[in-house]
Amino acid sequence: MDLLAKNIIMIKNKPNIRVNIGGVKLRNPVMTASGTFGYASEFEKLIDLNRLGAIIVKGLSLEPSRGNPPPRIVETPCGMLNAIGLENVGLKAFVKEKLPFLKRLETPIFVNIYGKSVVEYAELAARLDDIEDVSGIEVNISCPNVKSGGLAFGAYPDSASEVVNAIRDKTEKPMMVKLSPNVTDITEIARSVEAAGADSISLINTLTGMVIDIETRRPKLANITGGLSGPAIKPVALRMVWQVAQNVKIPVIGVGGIMTAKDALEFLIAGAVAVQVGTANFINPHATIDIIEGIEAFLIEGKIPDLADIIGTLKV
C-alpha cells in the first residue's frame, strides 16, 4: 500500500473531535486556561498554536495592573499556589501590543476579563465587542467586589447574575463565565449565570489555600493566601463539573488539574464539552498537544467516530 492510500485511510478513520462552545467552533476540545499561557506568543516556539481548540489569554482589566508583591508562587504537593494578583498589561496595551500576534492565528481567541465593579466589567465587554478578532469573552467572577466589602462576585447568585447581565447588555460576543469553587452550592451559581445570559460555563477556578514556612512562621506568599491549582484539585473540579452539567443546558468546560488525555476524558465523560489546560503548561509546554493526540488515540482505539459519543456518558 502506498503512502497516499495510507493517508486516505487515516483521514477516513479519524474521529470527529470538533466542538461548539456557545457559537464558537473549535477544531478540538482542548483550550488553554487563562493565566497559564500568557498571551500565546510565549509558546510560539514550543508548540503549533494553530492545533489548539482555543486560546484564552491572561486575565485583562481596563487599566494595567502590577498584581501582588512577591513572593507570589509556591509549589505544593500535587500542585501550586499562586497569588499573582491578575497582573496584566491593560486593555489599551493588549489591543496595541498583543492582539496583532493573536489575530494572525487560525485558533479562536477568548479574552478573560475581570473588574472591581460591575461598571468595569461592562466597560471592558463594550470595548471588546468592537474587536472582530476576539472570538469570545471569558468572565472571571472570582474577583472581589469592592463595593460589597471585598466578597467575590461569584460567591452569590445575585451578584454573579448582576455582572453577567451587565456584560450581556454590552456585547453580543459569546460569553463564557468562569465559576469559583469557593462557594456552598456551585449549581446555584451556574443556574444564575445561565439565566442571566451566559453562553457557556467554565469551572473551576482555583481553590483558596495557604502555605506556612515553619522556620520563620510566616506565610510563604506575601499575600498570605493564594489559589491552589494542579492535580490536587482535579477530584473537586471533576465533581463540580458533573454536578453543573446536570443542571444547565449550556456547554460546560472543565478546568482543574488536567495533565493528561486521561484526565481530559474524565471531564468529558462527566459532561464537559471541552476542557482547559492550565498548570500542566508550566511543567510540560507540550501538554495541550499531547492531550489532543491522546483524546484522538482513545477514540480511534475504541472505534468511537465522534467525540460527542462520550460526552456526558458517566454511568452512576
Foldseek 3Di string as FASTA:
>chain_A
DDPVVVVVVCVVLFFQAWDAALNDIFSHQEEADAPFCALVPVCVVPDPPQVGRAYEHHEAFQAFDQFDDDPAWDADVQWIFGRRRSGDHHDVCCVVPRVVVLLVHPHAYEYEYEDLALVRLLVVLLVCQPPPRHQAYEYEQQFFNVVVVGHGLQQDLVSLLSSLLSSVVRHPHAYEYEHEPPYDALQSNLVSSVVSPHQEYEDDWFDKDWDADPVVRATNGPVRIGGIAALVCLVVQLVSLLVNLVRDDHAYEGEGHDQALVSQLSSQLSAHSHYHDGPNCVVPVCRSVRNRVVVSVVCSVVSNRYSNVRGNNDDD
